[in-house]
Amino acid sequence: MRLSKKQAADLAAHKKALHSDRELLETVFDVFWYRLEQAAKEVNAIIALHSANVRKASAFVTEVAADLRDAYDEKSERWQETEAGQAALEMVEAWENVDLDEIEPVQVLLPDRPVWNESLNLPEESDQ
């Protein structure tokens, strides 16, 4: 048995189309992965900058909170019980309770590369 000339030509055309598709898809996927990795690097660079600023701001807040606490503690108990003292205590506690969170770096989990099964390695004729 044998494929007709038209069937053999159609098979060859399908093989060629699938092969071209695979090459195009591989190129597009390469660009996609590259752009995704680059975007993650850019985001992580900004996150690193933000984290550094968070650490600086946290150190500042801690220092100011300690200064405010010291100033408050130096006041008399009588003053601390006044309206002004209670307002000052609220301010001190607000500074002491600041919790600035750093942002975790972005982790891009790339999917496995697709396996292209374009194989149309089919026999065009039998041995007999």
Protein backbone atom coordinates (compact mmCIF):
# COMPACT_ATOMS: atom_id res chain seq x y z
CA MET A 1 0.00 0.00 0.00
CA ARG A 2 1.03 3.50 -0.65
CA LEU A 3 -0.26 7.00 -0.02
CA SER A 4 -1.56 8.75 -3.05
CA LYS A 5 0.53 11.61 -4.43
CA LYS A 6 -1.98 14.05 -2.99
CA GLN A 7 -1.90 12.37 0.43
CA ALA A 8 1.90 12.33 0.43
CA ALA A 9 1.96 16.00 -0.58
CA ASP A 10 -0.59 16.86 2.12
CA LEU A 11 1.46 14.95 4.71
CA ALA A 12 4.59 16.87 3.68
CA ALA A 13 2.67 20.16 3.91
CA HIS A 14 1.40 19.30 7.39
CA LYS A 15 4.91 18.34 8.53
CA LYS A 16 6.29 21.61 7.19
CA ALA A 17 3.52 23.68 8.81
CA LEU A 18 3.97 21.96 12.18
CA HIS A 19 7.74 22.40 12.01
CA SER A 20 7.34 26.12 11.20
CA ASP A 21 4.83 26.51 14.02
CA ARG A 22 7.23 24.89 16.47
CA GLU A 23 10.09 27.16 15.45
CA LEU A 24 7.88 30.22 15.80
CA LEU A 25 6.50 29.07 19.15
CA GLU A 26 9.99 28.39 20.48
CA THR A 27 11.07 31.89 19.48
CA VAL A 28 7.98 33.48 21.03
CA PHE A 29 8.41 31.44 24.23
CA ASP A 30 12.08 32.44 24.44
CA VAL A 31 11.09 36.11 24.19
CA PHE A 32 8.28 35.58 26.71
CA TRP A 33 10.59 33.96 29.28
CA TYR A 34 13.28 36.58 28.75
CA ARG A 35 10.82 39.46 29.21
CA LEU A 36 9.30 37.81 32.28
CA GLU A 37 12.73 37.34 33.85
CA GLN A 38 13.70 40.94 33.04
CA ALA A 39 10.46 42.28 34.54
CA ALA A 40 11.06 40.25 37.71
CA LYS A 41 14.61 41.66 37.95
CA GLU A 42 13.28 45.22 37.59
CA VAL A 43 10.58 44.66 40.20
CA ASN A 44 13.07 43.08 42.59
CA ALA A 45 15.49 46.01 42.16
CA ILE A 46 12.72 48.41 43.19
CA ILE A 47 11.73 46.11 46.06
CA ALA A 48 15.36 46.11 47.26
CA LEU A 49 15.41 49.92 47.15
CA HIS A 50 12.09 50.02 49.01
CA SER A 51 13.37 47.58 51.63
CA ALA A 52 16.42 49.75 52.23
CA ASN A 53 14.15 52.77 52.67
CA VAL A 54 11.91 50.80 55.03
CA ARG A 55 14.94 49.91 57.17
CA LYS A 56 16.04 53.57 57.27
CA ALA A 57 12.54 54.75 58.13
CA SER A 58 12.22 52.06 60.82
CA ALA A 59 15.50 53.16 62.39
CA PHE A 60 14.29 56.77 62.36
CA VAL A 61 10.94 55.84 63.90
CA THR A 62 12.64 53.76 66.60
CA GLU A 63 14.98 56.61 67.46
CA VAL A 64 12.18 59.19 67.62
CA ALA A 65 9.98 56.83 69.66
CA ALA A 66 12.81 56.37 72.18
CA ASP A 67 13.34 60.14 72.40
CA LEU A 68 9.61 60.74 72.90
CA ARG A 69 9.43 57.98 75.54
CA ASP A 70 12.39 59.49 77.41
CA ALA A 71 10.81 62.95 77.29
CA TYR A 72 7.49 61.56 78.48
CA ASP A 73 9.07 59.53 81.29
CA GLU A 74 10.93 62.62 82.53
CA LYS A 75 7.62 64.36 83.18
CA SER A 76 6.01 64.09 86.58
CA GLU A 77 3.30 61.54 87.25
CA ARG A 78 0.94 64.41 87.91
CA TRP A 79 1.57 65.85 84.44
CA GLN A 80 1.30 62.39 82.85
CA GLU A 81 -2.22 62.08 84.27
CA THR A 82 -3.36 65.38 82.76
CA GLU A 83 -5.09 65.69 79.42
CA ALA A 84 -1.84 66.92 77.88
CA GLY A 85 0.02 63.98 79.42
CA GLN A 86 -2.52 61.49 78.07
CA ALA A 87 -2.29 63.07 74.60
CA ALA A 88 1.51 62.87 74.80
CA LEU A 89 1.30 59.20 75.82
CA GLU A 90 -0.90 58.47 72.81
CA MET A 91 1.69 60.12 70.59
CA VAL A 92 4.52 58.12 72.17
CA GLU A 93 2.60 54.87 71.79
CA ALA A 94 1.72 55.66 68.18
CA TRP A 95 5.44 56.06 67.40
CA GLU A 96 6.32 52.92 69.37
CA ASN A 97 3.72 50.84 67.54
CA VAL A 98 4.78 51.67 63.99
CA ASP A 99 5.45 48.46 62.09
CA LEU A 100 6.88 48.97 58.64
CA ASP A 101 7.01 45.80 56.59
CA GLU A 102 9.50 45.05 53.91
CA ILE A 103 8.20 43.54 50.70
CA GLU A 104 9.50 40.11 49.80
CA PRO A 105 11.27 39.80 46.45
CA VAL A 106 9.19 38.47 43.60
CA GLN A 107 9.92 34.91 42.65
CA VAL A 108 9.00 34.04 39.13
CA LEU A 109 8.24 30.39 38.68
CA LEU A 110 8.54 29.69 35.02
CA PRO A 111 6.43 26.90 33.67
CA ASP A 112 8.16 23.93 32.14
CA ARG A 113 9.00 24.44 28.55
CA PRO A 114 6.31 22.89 26.34
CA VAL A 115 7.16 19.71 24.54
CA TRP A 116 6.29 20.12 20.93
CA ASN A 117 4.99 16.93 19.42
CA GLU A 118 5.02 17.76 15.76
CA SER A 119 5.97 14.29 14.75
CA LEU A 120 4.09 13.05 11.78
CA ASN A 121 6.65 10.36 11.06
CA LEU A 122 4.11 8.08 9.55
CA PRO A 123 4.87 5.53 6.90
CA GLU A 124 3.96 6.55 3.40
CA GLU A 125 4.00 2.99 2.15
CA SER A 126 4.14 -0.50 3.52
CA ASP A 127 7.05 -2.82 2.97
CA GLN A 128 4.93 -5.17 0.98
